[in-house]
Amino acid sequence: MLLPLLFVLAGCQEDQEHSPAPPALDSLAQIRAAGELVILTRNTPSTYFQERNDAAGFEYDLAMAFARQLGVSLRVETADTIEQLYLQMLINQQPLLAAAGLTADPARQPDVLYSQSYLQVLPQVIYHSKAARPRRPEDLIGKRILVLKDSVHATLLKQLQQQHPELSFDTSDTVESVDLLRMVDEGQIDITLVNSNELAMHQVYFPHIQLAFSLEPALDLQWALRQPRKRSDTSLLDAVNSFLQQSREQGLIDALVERYYGHLDVMGYIGANAFAKHLQQRMPQYESLFRKHAQEFGLDWRFLAAVGYQESHWDPQARSKTGVRGLMMLTQRTADELGVQDRLDPTQSIRGGAKYLAQMLERLPDSIAYPERYWFALAAYNIGLGHLEDARRLTAQAGLDPDSWIDVRSILPRLSQKQWYSQTRYGFARGGEPVHFVNNIRRYYDILSWSTLPASEDSILGGLHTPAIKD
């Protein structure tokens, strides 16, 4: 019996050796098997950045929605330049998406596949408001023009050069669109080109920039992916196109456009008269809560109330396009970390805000002394501790004092300039916002101090409790 059994086993082994290998997974199946979607993007205001404790950006939010639809997590990788982004995509062996406000580049096909359009934008010519307005391409001749290297805007200018050989321009891969707008605003260059969505996002920050004219036709923004080895594998591209179609039909794209490219009222400072009105009508409802929870965490209640006014004008139902909400305008992630179950509940929101401020004060380096420590805590509350530490490191590199609010305040706006944020750990941030945030809160605190009981009653801030605080 043993010999026949050996022949049977040998035959089974031979069958196994010659049995076909299981079919390779298609691109979409590989993503689902790995449990994560990887996107390549750029650290810019219109694509992906860190906002307080949360990741944000048009491309990030859209990709996150796609990952949720697939039932996988999202992993973000960034590239410094457009060329580097394409290079990373092509050398990476796993299926991934490039989501960075890209337009189809025929020169990169067929190695790169592009999705259907998810947003149309116009390339726009930007100039300084005090200069004569250019109205047509020939008016750009003789101007100092700078655009992003390898961008569609550089391609458009090359096309215009064929019609107008006298036209000249420069390109750079060390700046982003927001840098170019700032350079026009400050008179460093005469002209730049940005897309209409980028202008809508940033124009409020630069009072001297104006739209000269738009170039036709409109551009289609698309996601990109590497051509699969098996060219018949369209699984990922099909899934992307189906998702983008749904996103348009169900309003997700419109919601993201409104959130990121709608009018941005950065500070919302509405004047002393309105503050006095809210002090009379709204403060009495919440004063006891500010007092109670400020005392619980060792804060001056007027300090906490000033933060609440800056955040929501003491409106417990306040909501922002960016997803923060409630009287203290907490993000969902921060609320979860603080144990706040209902951000629209004034008690929970005020207690959560007090706890968060106390945490910021506690987590700051011991080298930062009072009262400077309060200004740093406010900045961390607004922009996140990581970005604040980035600014302190840049301050030290500039030969200034990283423990001085005046010095760090002067450096914070650099976090929105690629020249500087590319050197940091946490990348792009709206560095000018915490400067205004702190200034406004100090102003509100002064008014509250003048309008309420004497400092000797319950002030914990000591030196803070002085009208017209000086730096």
Foldseek 3Di string as FASTA:
>chain_A
DVVVVVVVVVVVVVCVVPPDDPDDDFQLVLCVVVQEAEEEEADALAAWADFQPDIDHLNVVLVCVLSVVSRGYYDYDYDLFPVRSVVVQLPDPHWHKYRYQAFDDVVCPPQKDWAFFLDWWWKFKKFFQVDDFDADDVVQQPWAEEEAPPHVQVVVVVVVCVVVVSHDYYHDSLWDPLVVLVCRLVVVGGIYIDIPLVCLQCVVPRVGMDTRDTDDDITGGTMMHGQDPPNVRCPVSVSVNVSSVCCVVVVVSVLSSCLRRNHDPQFPDDDDVVLVVLCVVQCVVCVVLLVVLCVVLVADSLLLVLLLCRQAVNQQQDAHSRQFHGSNRDHPVLCVVQVQPDRSPNNSVSNSSSVQLSVLLVPDDPVQDPPLSSLLSLLCSGGNPQLLVLLLVVLVVVVHHSNGPVSSLVRQCCLNTSNRQVPGDRGHDNSNSSSVSSVSSLQSSLVVLVVDDDCVPDHSRVLSSDHPDDD
